[in-house]
Amino acid sequence: MSRNHPVVTGFYHEDTNSIAYVVADLATRRCAIIDPVLDFDRACRGTHTTFADRMATFVREQGLTVEWILDTHPHADHFSAAPYLKEVFGAPAAIGEQVIRVQKIWKEIYNLPDFPADGSQWDRLFKDGERFRVGALEAEVLFSPGHTAASITYVIGDAAFVHDTLFMPDGGTARADFPGGDARALYRSIQRILALPPETRVFTGHDYQPGGREPRWESTVAEQRAHNTHLRDGVTEGAFVQAREARDRTLPFPALLLDALQVNIRGGRLPEPEANGVAYLKIPLNQFRETGCTAVRASKG
């Protein structure tokens, strides 16, 4: 096994079409967990840890030590299980430093005057180009804005975890119409990812099963450049931005956006319980009425 070739195990969360990862260096038996999901029952607005526990069980069964719990960005379609797994494994939680920009945007939307929009909810805020290790594997952070203002890509050995920037080639690219999103920035972020070596493995954060196929989440840079339905080689920035913005105007409002971001700007922590011991979400009314929002199961790209 090459020292630059981590073993990557994907866990598909069917309710939100999300993929979370355990990225392991078998030489040292050390690993990172990327974008873990906290289950959320939409009917009764209750959380549970079934999915995260499945990841935790896998880690234990493989005899791995968790070094990092990594989020790529504050997710708009599921709750992060990073705080729960941090408690389970005692590993630090990290995200990109531009999360502060997203926190400031949503602090205003939710009208949370006392909320500390300073990134202090995580143990580590990574800068663009910063390097760290997972066992003996070298990892690098690429700032990848566009889908959100805070998105980052983790390149760990020969594997790139591109979150909601690229989907599988038949799924195209992620939407860029959320507050802080930018289609032009998304194009430039993708070009940076596609400049990685062609054999680099690309792991995406969602798969919406185009055509009803089985879930898939691994491709290569070469496959993306040749076949991505939105951004294969030869597509200009102007053409991409025009097509991306036109498509975004047709997409329905994500069903969990207003629930999930209120939690995820807190690093995945639920709001503090009130005097009766119950935690409450604060949902702004009519904030997005002008978008003609109609909620759906997931935020397809």
Protein backbone atom coordinates (compact mmCIF):
# COMPACT_ATOMS: atom_id res chain seq x y z
CA MET A 1 0.00 0.00 0.00
CA SER A 2 1.46 3.35 -1.05
CA ARG A 3 2.13 5.80 1.76
CA ASN A 4 0.17 8.38 -0.27
CA HIS A 5 -2.85 6.14 -0.86
CA PRO A 6 -5.29 6.27 2.06
CA VAL A 7 -7.98 3.66 2.45
CA VAL A 8 -11.27 5.50 2.02
CA THR A 9 -14.59 4.13 3.22
CA GLY A 10 -17.76 5.99 2.27
CA PHE A 11 -21.00 5.87 4.28
CA TYR A 12 -24.13 6.84 2.35
CA HIS A 13 -26.84 8.65 4.29
CA GLU A 14 -29.95 7.82 2.32
CA ASP A 15 -32.26 10.43 3.85
CA THR A 16 -30.08 13.32 2.70
CA ASN A 17 -28.14 11.67 -0.15
CA SER A 18 -24.96 12.58 1.73
CA ILE A 19 -21.68 10.68 1.93
CA ALA A 20 -19.44 10.78 4.99
CA TYR A 21 -15.96 9.27 5.01
CA VAL A 22 -13.43 7.46 7.15
CA VAL A 23 -9.97 8.11 5.67
CA ALA A 24 -7.36 5.75 7.08
CA ASP A 25 -3.60 5.33 7.00
CA LEU A 26 -3.25 1.60 7.56
CA ALA A 27 0.48 1.88 8.28
CA THR A 28 -0.24 3.79 11.49
CA ARG A 29 -3.91 2.73 12.01
CA ARG A 30 -4.85 6.40 12.25
CA CYS A 31 -7.77 8.04 10.48
CA ALA A 32 -9.91 11.12 9.93
CA ILE A 33 -13.70 11.31 9.77
CA ILE A 34 -15.06 13.72 7.16
CA ASP A 35 -18.54 15.30 7.11
CA PRO A 36 -20.36 12.96 9.54
CA VAL A 37 -24.16 13.24 9.63
CA LEU A 38 -26.42 13.55 12.66
CA ASP A 39 -29.79 11.94 11.90
CA PHE A 40 -32.82 14.22 12.04
CA ASP A 41 -36.42 13.02 12.12
CA ARG A 42 -38.28 15.68 10.17
CA ALA A 43 -41.73 14.72 11.41
CA CYS A 44 -41.03 15.10 15.14
CA ARG A 45 -37.93 17.33 14.82
CA GLY A 46 -35.84 14.85 16.80
CA THR A 47 -32.16 13.97 16.43
CA HIS A 48 -30.47 10.61 16.85
CA THR A 49 -27.03 9.14 16.23
CA THR A 50 -27.71 5.92 14.31
CA PHE A 51 -25.62 6.93 11.28
CA ALA A 52 -22.74 8.35 13.32
CA ASP A 53 -22.75 5.25 15.51
CA ARG A 54 -22.36 3.11 12.39
CA MET A 55 -19.24 5.07 11.53
CA ALA A 56 -17.96 4.78 15.09
CA THR A 57 -18.50 1.02 15.10
CA PHE A 58 -16.56 0.70 11.85
CA VAL A 59 -13.65 2.70 13.29
CA ARG A 60 -13.50 0.48 16.37
CA GLU A 61 -13.81 -2.75 14.40
CA GLN A 62 -10.92 -1.68 12.17
CA GLY A 63 -8.77 -0.84 15.18
CA LEU A 64 -8.33 2.76 14.08
CA THR A 65 -7.47 5.84 16.12
CA VAL A 66 -9.32 9.00 15.10
CA GLU A 67 -6.98 11.98 14.72
CA TRP A 68 -9.38 14.47 13.15
CA ILE A 69 -13.07 15.12 12.67
CA LEU A 70 -13.28 17.33 9.60
CA ASP A 71 -16.13 19.35 8.13
CA THR A 72 -15.77 20.79 4.64
CA HIS A 73 -18.32 23.58 5.21
CA PRO A 74 -21.48 24.34 7.23
CA HIS A 75 -23.99 22.04 5.55
CA ALA A 76 -27.45 23.23 4.47
CA ASP A 77 -29.08 19.82 4.11
CA HIS A 78 -28.03 17.82 7.17
CA PHE A 79 -26.86 18.32 10.71
CA SER A 80 -23.19 17.69 11.47
CA ALA A 81 -22.35 14.89 13.90
CA ALA A 82 -18.88 16.31 14.53
CA PRO A 83 -19.55 17.28 18.19
CA TYR A 84 -20.97 13.84 18.95
CA LEU A 85 -18.01 12.00 17.43
CA LYS A 86 -15.60 14.38 19.10
CA GLU A 87 -17.12 13.32 22.42
CA VAL A 88 -16.91 9.64 21.43
CA PHE A 89 -13.29 9.70 20.24
CA GLY A 90 -11.74 12.79 21.84
CA ALA A 91 -10.40 14.02 18.50
CA PRO A 92 -10.26 17.70 17.50
CA ALA A 93 -12.86 19.11 15.11
CA ALA A 94 -11.77 21.36 12.23
CA ILE A 95 -13.14 23.38 9.33
CA GLY A 96 -11.88 26.18 7.06
CA GLU A 97 -11.21 29.62 8.51
CA GLN A 98 -13.72 31.30 6.20
CA VAL A 99 -16.52 29.67 8.21
CA ILE A 100 -16.55 32.99 10.04
CA ARG A 101 -17.98 34.63 6.89
CA VAL A 102 -20.83 32.12 6.81
CA GLN A 103 -21.47 32.56 10.53
CA LYS A 104 -21.79 36.32 10.08
CA ILE A 105 -24.26 35.93 7.19
CA TRP A 106 -26.51 33.55 9.09
CA LYS A 107 -26.16 35.36 12.41
CA GLU A 108 -27.99 38.25 10.73
CA ILE A 109 -30.58 36.03 9.04
CA TYR A 110 -31.43 34.28 12.32
CA ASN A 111 -31.11 37.54 14.32
CA LEU A 112 -28.71 36.08 16.89
CA PRO A 113 -27.03 39.19 18.32
CA ASP A 114 -25.13 37.28 21.02
CA PHE A 115 -23.87 34.51 18.77
CA PRO A 116 -20.03 34.45 18.60
CA ALA A 117 -19.31 34.45 14.86
CA ASP A 118 -15.61 33.80 15.37
CA GLY A 119 -15.11 30.12 14.56
CA SER A 120 -14.55 29.27 18.21
CA GLN A 121 -16.98 26.34 17.90
CA TRP A 122 -14.16 24.32 16.26
CA ASP A 123 -10.75 23.34 17.62
CA ARG A 124 -8.90 24.26 14.43
CA LEU A 125 -9.61 26.66 11.57
CA PHE A 126 -7.56 25.74 8.51
CA LYS A 127 -6.07 28.33 6.17
CA ASP A 128 -5.83 27.86 2.41
CA GLY A 129 -2.72 25.82 1.64
CA GLU A 130 -2.28 24.67 5.22
CA ARG A 131 -0.85 21.18 5.67
CA PHE A 132 -1.45 18.60 8.37
CA ARG A 133 -1.18 14.83 8.75
CA VAL A 134 -3.45 11.85 9.11
CA GLY A 135 -1.07 9.25 10.46
CA ALA A 136 1.84 9.32 7.99
CA LEU A 137 -0.32 10.77 5.22
CA GLU A 138 0.22 14.36 4.22
CA ALA A 139 -2.96 16.42 3.89
CA GLU A 140 -3.48 19.85 2.35
CA VAL A 141 -6.39 22.30 2.53
CA LEU A 142 -7.66 23.99 -0.64
CA PHE A 143 -10.04 26.91 -0.21
CA SER A 144 -12.94 26.06 -2.57
CA PRO A 145 -15.64 28.76 -2.33
CA GLY A 146 -18.67 28.94 -4.57
CA HIS A 147 -21.22 26.56 -3.11
CA THR A 148 -20.66 28.42 0.16
CA ALA A 149 -18.25 31.18 1.14
CA ALA A 150 -16.43 28.79 3.48
CA SER A 151 -16.08 25.56 1.48
CA ILE A 152 -12.74 23.77 1.50
CA THR A 153 -11.34 20.64 -0.13
CA TYR A 154 -9.17 18.21 1.82
CA VAL A 155 -6.46 16.56 -0.28
CA ILE A 156 -5.20 13.61 1.74
CA GLY A 157 -2.57 11.63 -0.10
CA ASP A 158 -4.01 10.91 -3.54
CA ALA A 159 -7.62 11.52 -2.44
CA ALA A 160 -9.50 14.82 -2.73
CA PHE A 161 -12.66 15.34 -0.67
CA VAL A 162 -14.51 17.98 -2.66
CA HIS A 163 -17.73 18.25 -0.60
CA ASP A 164 -20.55 19.97 -2.57
CA THR A 165 -18.32 21.44 -5.28
CA LEU A 166 -18.25 18.57 -7.77
CA PHE A 167 -20.68 15.67 -7.94
CA MET A 168 -20.07 12.49 -9.89
CA PRO A 169 -19.50 13.29 -13.59
CA ASP A 170 -23.12 12.44 -14.47
CA GLY A 171 -24.34 14.71 -11.64
CA GLY A 172 -22.35 17.81 -12.58
CA THR A 173 -21.68 20.50 -10.00
CA ALA A 174 -23.26 21.96 -6.88
CA ARG A 175 -25.63 24.90 -6.73
CA ALA A 176 -24.23 28.32 -5.89
CA ASP A 177 -27.34 30.33 -4.98
CA PHE A 178 -27.29 30.14 -1.18
CA PRO A 179 -26.37 33.31 0.75
CA GLY A 180 -22.62 33.71 0.22
CA GLY A 181 -22.57 31.42 -2.81
CA ASP A 182 -21.07 32.49 -6.13
CA ALA A 183 -21.09 30.63 -9.46
CA ARG A 184 -17.97 32.38 -10.71
CA ALA A 185 -16.06 31.46 -7.56
CA LEU A 186 -17.35 27.89 -7.94
CA TYR A 187 -15.91 27.66 -11.47
CA ARG A 188 -12.51 28.85 -10.28
CA SER A 189 -12.53 26.49 -7.31
CA ILE A 190 -13.31 23.56 -9.58
CA GLN A 191 -10.50 24.52 -11.95
CA ARG A 192 -8.11 24.40 -9.03
CA ILE A 193 -9.34 20.92 -8.09
CA LEU A 194 -9.11 19.73 -11.70
CA ALA A 195 -5.48 20.93 -11.82
CA LEU A 196 -4.56 18.15 -9.39
CA PRO A 197 -2.84 15.08 -10.93
CA PRO A 198 -5.27 13.24 -13.25
CA GLU A 199 -5.13 10.05 -11.18
CA THR A 200 -6.24 11.88 -8.02
CA ARG A 201 -9.31 10.19 -6.58
CA VAL A 202 -12.26 12.56 -6.17
CA PHE A 203 -14.77 11.90 -3.39
CA THR A 204 -17.97 13.92 -3.43
CA GLY A 205 -20.27 14.88 -0.58
CA HIS A 206 -23.60 13.99 -2.22
CA ASP A 207 -24.99 11.67 -4.83
CA TYR A 208 -28.54 12.08 -6.09
CA GLN A 209 -28.47 8.90 -8.22
CA PRO A 210 -29.06 10.33 -11.71
CA GLY A 211 -31.27 8.05 -13.76
CA GLY A 212 -32.05 5.97 -10.70
CA ARG A 213 -28.63 4.28 -10.59
CA GLU A 214 -27.05 3.04 -7.36
CA PRO A 215 -25.25 5.62 -5.21
CA ARG A 216 -21.68 6.38 -6.27
CA TRP A 217 -19.15 8.80 -4.85
CA GLU A 218 -15.67 8.09 -6.25
CA SER A 219 -14.23 9.29 -9.55
CA THR A 220 -10.88 10.71 -10.69
CA VAL A 221 -9.73 14.11 -11.84
CA ALA A 222 -9.28 12.66 -15.33
CA GLU A 223 -12.85 11.34 -15.37
CA GLN A 224 -14.23 14.67 -14.17
CA ARG A 225 -12.32 16.60 -16.83
CA ALA A 226 -13.49 14.28 -19.58
CA HIS A 227 -17.09 13.65 -18.59
CA ASN A 228 -18.51 16.12 -16.04
CA THR A 229 -21.87 17.10 -17.47
CA HIS A 230 -21.53 20.72 -16.32
CA LEU A 231 -17.81 21.41 -16.51
CA ARG A 232 -15.77 19.08 -18.69
CA ASP A 233 -12.64 20.43 -20.36
CA GLY A 234 -13.42 23.24 -22.79
CA VAL A 235 -16.33 24.82 -20.91
CA THR A 236 -15.53 28.50 -20.40
CA GLU A 237 -16.10 30.42 -17.20
CA GLY A 238 -18.78 32.56 -18.82
CA ALA A 239 -20.68 29.58 -20.21
CA PHE A 240 -20.53 27.78 -16.88
CA VAL A 241 -21.70 30.79 -14.87
CA GLN A 242 -24.61 31.42 -17.23
CA ALA A 243 -25.71 27.78 -17.13
CA ARG A 244 -25.17 27.40 -13.38
CA GLU A 245 -27.14 30.52 -12.50
CA ALA A 246 -29.96 29.58 -14.86
CA ARG A 247 -30.17 26.11 -13.35
CA ASP A 248 -30.05 27.45 -9.80
CA ARG A 249 -33.12 29.60 -10.52
CA THR A 250 -35.09 26.40 -11.19
CA LEU A 251 -34.01 24.49 -8.08
CA PRO A 252 -36.38 24.15 -5.12
CA PHE A 253 -35.48 25.36 -1.66
CA PRO A 254 -33.66 22.72 0.45
CA ALA A 255 -36.02 21.20 2.98
CA LEU A 256 -33.59 21.39 5.92
CA LEU A 257 -31.67 24.58 5.16
CA LEU A 258 -33.23 26.72 7.90
CA ASP A 259 -32.99 23.88 10.42
CA ALA A 260 -29.50 22.68 9.55
CA LEU A 261 -27.58 25.94 9.22
CA GLN A 262 -28.74 27.17 12.60
CA VAL A 263 -27.08 24.07 14.07
CA ASN A 264 -24.07 23.86 11.77
CA ILE A 265 -22.87 27.44 12.27
CA ARG A 266 -22.55 26.28 15.89
CA GLY A 267 -20.23 23.49 14.78
CA GLY A 268 -23.08 20.98 14.84
CA ARG A 269 -24.22 21.77 18.37
CA LEU A 270 -27.90 22.20 19.10
CA PRO A 271 -28.99 25.50 20.65
CA GLU A 272 -28.67 25.61 24.42
CA PRO A 273 -31.70 24.18 26.25
CA GLU A 274 -34.05 26.75 27.75
CA ALA A 275 -35.32 26.80 31.34
CA ASN A 276 -37.59 23.80 30.69
CA GLY A 277 -34.67 21.70 29.47
CA VAL A 278 -35.74 21.75 25.81
CA ALA A 279 -33.65 23.15 22.94
CA TYR A 280 -35.47 25.18 20.29
CA LEU A 281 -34.68 26.09 16.70
CA LYS A 282 -35.41 29.66 15.62
CA ILE A 283 -36.85 29.76 12.11
CA PRO A 284 -37.21 33.11 10.27
CA LEU A 285 -40.61 33.51 8.64
CA ASN A 286 -40.92 34.82 5.07
CA GLN A 287 -37.18 35.47 4.87
CA PHE A 288 -36.91 33.65 1.54
CA ARG A 289 -40.43 34.19 0.22
CA GLU A 290 -39.13 36.13 -2.78
CA THR A 291 -37.33 33.01 -4.00
CA GLY A 292 -40.65 31.19 -4.42
CA CYS A 293 -39.20 28.47 -2.25
CA THR A 294 -40.75 25.03 -2.27
CA ALA A 295 -38.98 22.61 0.05
CA VAL A 296 -37.82 19.24 -1.23
CA ARG A 297 -36.08 16.23 0.24
CA ALA A 298 -32.59 17.33 -0.69
CA SER A 299 -30.77 20.20 -2.40
CA LYS A 300 -29.92 18.74 -5.79
CA GLY A 301 -27.31 20.43 -7.90
